[in-house]
């Protein structure tokens, strides 16, 4: 299983922990390794829940939020948030300063308290989507989860 993406690498490169590295390379010394890879479905034994979830990043609040997709079978390509008034925002994937596994929304105008419920939709590499609804800012609590309506 791939452990994480390598922020200082080129597009398509993968960084892994030593256990993964050793199983892929046959215990070669850590270095650059020319290989190909692709997303594959995660075996059900590795999935803790029957549906995907979004974890609120530490510091998430009514002013900005960070979301980390969890319990997914395939890679995530986009996350959007739609307010009750129809305005929709795309969340960009984080970078070096905020974390490569989190998607962020910091548009303060988005978080008007009278614009809830907010529907968050996640799309995976297969084109499948799953959504979850936030009914008020009080539900945006760091290190808790928003349940989605499907397994991605």
Protein backbone atom coordinates (compact mmCIF):
# COMPACT_ATOMS: atom_id res chain seq x y z
CA UNK A 1 0.00 0.00 0.00
CA UNK A 2 1.31 3.49 -0.84
CA UNK A 3 1.95 5.47 2.34
CA UNK A 4 1.84 9.04 1.05
CA UNK A 5 2.71 11.45 -1.74
CA UNK A 6 6.14 13.05 -1.90
CA UNK A 7 5.83 16.88 -1.75
CA UNK A 8 9.32 17.46 -3.12
CA UNK A 9 8.94 14.93 -5.93
CA UNK A 10 7.65 15.39 -9.46
CA UNK A 11 4.06 14.70 -10.49
CA UNK A 12 3.37 10.97 -10.32
CA UNK A 13 6.22 10.21 -7.90
CA UNK A 14 5.36 8.36 -4.71
CA UNK A 15 7.09 8.45 -1.33
CA UNK A 16 6.63 5.46 0.98
CA UNK A 17 7.65 4.23 4.41
CA UNK A 18 10.52 1.76 4.79
CA UNK A 19 8.27 -1.31 5.14
CA UNK A 20 6.55 -0.55 1.82
CA UNK A 21 9.88 0.34 0.17
CA UNK A 22 11.43 -2.98 1.21
CA UNK A 23 8.47 -5.03 -0.06
CA UNK A 24 8.51 -3.25 -3.44
CA UNK A 25 12.28 -3.21 -4.00
CA UNK A 26 13.39 -6.38 -2.22
CA UNK A 27 15.21 -4.49 0.56
CA UNK A 28 17.31 -2.24 -1.64
CA UNK A 29 18.85 0.86 -0.07
CA UNK A 30 16.45 3.81 -0.09
CA UNK A 31 16.82 5.84 -3.27
CA UNK A 32 14.84 6.76 -6.37
CA UNK A 33 13.23 3.71 -7.94
CA UNK A 34 11.81 3.68 -11.48
CA UNK A 35 8.41 2.00 -11.33
CA UNK A 36 4.84 2.53 -12.41
CA UNK A 37 1.77 2.61 -10.18
CA UNK A 38 -1.97 3.05 -10.35
CA UNK A 39 -4.89 3.44 -7.96
CA UNK A 40 -6.56 0.15 -7.12
CA UNK A 41 -9.59 -0.62 -5.00
CA UNK A 42 -8.81 -0.91 -1.30
CA UNK A 43 -9.71 -4.39 0.02
CA UNK A 44 -12.79 -4.34 2.26
CA UNK A 45 -10.74 -5.71 5.19
CA UNK A 46 -8.90 -2.34 5.33
CA UNK A 47 -12.09 -0.24 5.41
CA UNK A 48 -13.36 0.55 8.91
CA UNK A 49 -16.81 1.75 7.74
CA UNK A 50 -19.23 0.87 4.94
CA UNK A 51 -19.16 4.50 3.68
CA UNK A 52 -16.50 7.14 3.17
CA UNK A 53 -16.02 10.02 5.58
CA UNK A 54 -14.41 13.46 5.76
CA UNK A 55 -12.29 14.32 8.79
CA UNK A 56 -12.25 17.97 9.91
CA UNK A 57 -8.64 19.21 10.23
CA UNK A 58 -7.36 20.59 13.52
CA UNK A 59 -8.21 24.30 13.53
CA UNK A 60 -11.32 23.93 11.35
CA UNK A 61 -14.01 26.39 12.35
CA UNK A 62 -16.77 28.58 10.96
CA UNK A 63 -14.03 30.75 9.34
CA UNK A 64 -12.11 28.12 7.35
CA UNK A 65 -12.09 24.37 7.06
CA UNK A 66 -9.77 21.57 6.13
CA UNK A 67 -11.17 18.20 5.10
CA UNK A 68 -9.36 14.88 4.77
CA UNK A 69 -11.15 12.09 2.90
CA UNK A 70 -10.99 8.78 4.79
CA UNK A 71 -12.11 5.24 4.11
CA UNK A 72 -12.00 5.56 0.32
CA UNK A 73 -11.33 2.82 -2.23
CA UNK A 74 -9.97 5.15 -4.94
CA UNK A 75 -8.11 8.46 -5.11
CA UNK A 76 -10.04 11.70 -4.64
CA UNK A 77 -9.95 14.27 -7.46
CA UNK A 78 -12.26 17.03 -6.17
CA UNK A 79 -14.31 18.31 -3.26
CA UNK A 80 -16.99 20.99 -3.60
CA UNK A 81 -19.17 22.73 -1.01
CA UNK A 82 -22.60 24.13 -1.88
CA UNK A 83 -24.47 26.53 0.37
CA UNK A 84 -28.25 26.54 0.74
CA UNK A 85 -28.41 29.64 -1.51
CA UNK A 86 -26.84 27.65 -4.39
CA UNK A 87 -23.36 29.20 -4.29
CA UNK A 88 -20.77 26.47 -4.81
CA UNK A 89 -17.05 26.53 -4.04
CA UNK A 90 -14.30 24.12 -5.05
CA UNK A 91 -11.87 23.22 -2.31
CA UNK A 92 -8.23 23.17 -3.41
CA UNK A 93 -5.93 20.39 -2.25
CA UNK A 94 -3.49 21.64 0.40
CA UNK A 95 0.22 22.18 -0.06
CA UNK A 96 3.43 22.35 1.97
CA UNK A 97 2.05 24.89 4.43
CA UNK A 98 -1.21 23.09 5.30
CA UNK A 99 -0.84 19.41 4.41
CA UNK A 100 -1.10 17.47 1.18
CA UNK A 101 -3.89 15.20 2.39
CA UNK A 102 -6.33 18.00 3.23
CA UNK A 103 -8.67 20.01 1.02
CA UNK A 104 -9.30 23.61 2.18
CA UNK A 105 -11.91 26.32 2.04
CA UNK A 106 -11.09 29.70 3.53
CA UNK A 107 -13.49 32.05 1.74
CA UNK A 108 -14.97 33.83 4.78
CA UNK A 109 -18.00 34.97 2.73
CA UNK A 110 -18.86 31.30 2.24
CA UNK A 111 -19.51 30.75 5.92
CA UNK A 112 -22.46 33.09 6.46
CA UNK A 113 -24.42 31.37 9.25
CA UNK A 114 -27.72 31.84 7.42
CA UNK A 115 -26.50 29.83 4.39
CA UNK A 116 -26.78 26.37 5.91
CA UNK A 117 -27.27 23.54 5.29
CA UNK A 118 -24.03 23.11 3.34
CA UNK A 119 -23.64 20.05 1.12
CA UNK A 120 -20.10 18.75 0.55
CA UNK A 121 -19.60 16.52 -2.49
CA UNK A 122 -16.50 14.38 -3.06
CA UNK A 123 -15.52 12.90 -6.46
CA UNK A 124 -13.07 10.02 -6.90
CA UNK A 125 -10.82 8.97 -9.78
CA UNK A 126 -13.57 6.68 -11.12
CA UNK A 127 -16.05 9.60 -11.43
CA UNK A 128 -18.18 8.42 -8.50
CA UNK A 129 -19.50 10.95 -5.99
CA UNK A 130 -20.60 10.92 -2.36
CA UNK A 131 -22.07 13.75 -0.32
CA UNK A 132 -22.57 14.80 3.26
CA UNK A 133 -24.54 17.67 4.76
CA UNK A 134 -23.50 20.12 7.45
CA UNK A 135 -26.52 21.75 9.06
CA UNK A 136 -24.74 24.42 11.15
CA UNK A 137 -21.30 25.77 12.03
CA UNK A 138 -21.50 23.91 15.35
CA UNK A 139 -20.89 20.66 13.41
CA UNK A 140 -17.45 21.85 12.19
CA UNK A 141 -15.36 20.34 14.99
CA UNK A 142 -11.68 19.45 14.57
CA UNK A 143 -10.81 15.75 14.41
CA UNK A 144 -14.42 14.62 14.05
CA UNK A 145 -15.97 13.06 10.95
CA UNK A 146 -18.67 13.93 8.45
CA UNK A 147 -20.29 10.75 7.14
CA UNK A 148 -20.81 10.62 3.38
CA UNK A 149 -23.71 8.82 1.71
CA UNK A 150 -21.60 6.30 -0.24
CA UNK A 151 -18.28 4.49 -0.32
CA UNK A 152 -15.89 6.09 -2.79
